[in-house]
Amino acid sequence: QVQLVESGGGLVQAGGSLRLSCAASGRAFYSYAMGWFRQAPGKEREFVAAIRWSGGTTYYADSVKGRFTISRDNAKNTVYLQMNSLKPEDTAVYYCAADYKGSGQYLLTANNYDYWGQGTQVTVSS
């Protein structure tokens, strides 16, 4: 069992930056691939970024590539999402998720994840 708690959301102007954190509790965090997804009002949840358990391989949605960076600190049981050059269209609730030993394209699909956090709101004003 893994519990996930996101933090770091807020209101920021376009062009600004935010750093989201996702703290995990439970054993064997290092065995889980971690992902970030987001959901805007009236839209489906969409993939943002993911990182394999080892941290050596990362995946990004085209819409955030070059602006967002996912990383993890297995010693702290935490995964991060650094978001730079934010745009109004990045406004959404951001969720972190955990998938046991997932990898590759499998990590791009929300239904493949085992555990989810409650989400944190990110609002980007124009």
Foldseek 3Di string as FASTA:
>chain_A
DKAKAKDWADEEAAQAKIKMKIAIDDPDLLQKKKFKWWDDPPGDIFGAKIAFSVRPDMDGDPVQPPFWDWGDDVVRRMIMIIGGRDDQVVWTWMKMFIAGRDDDPCVRDPVRTDDIYPTDTHGYHD
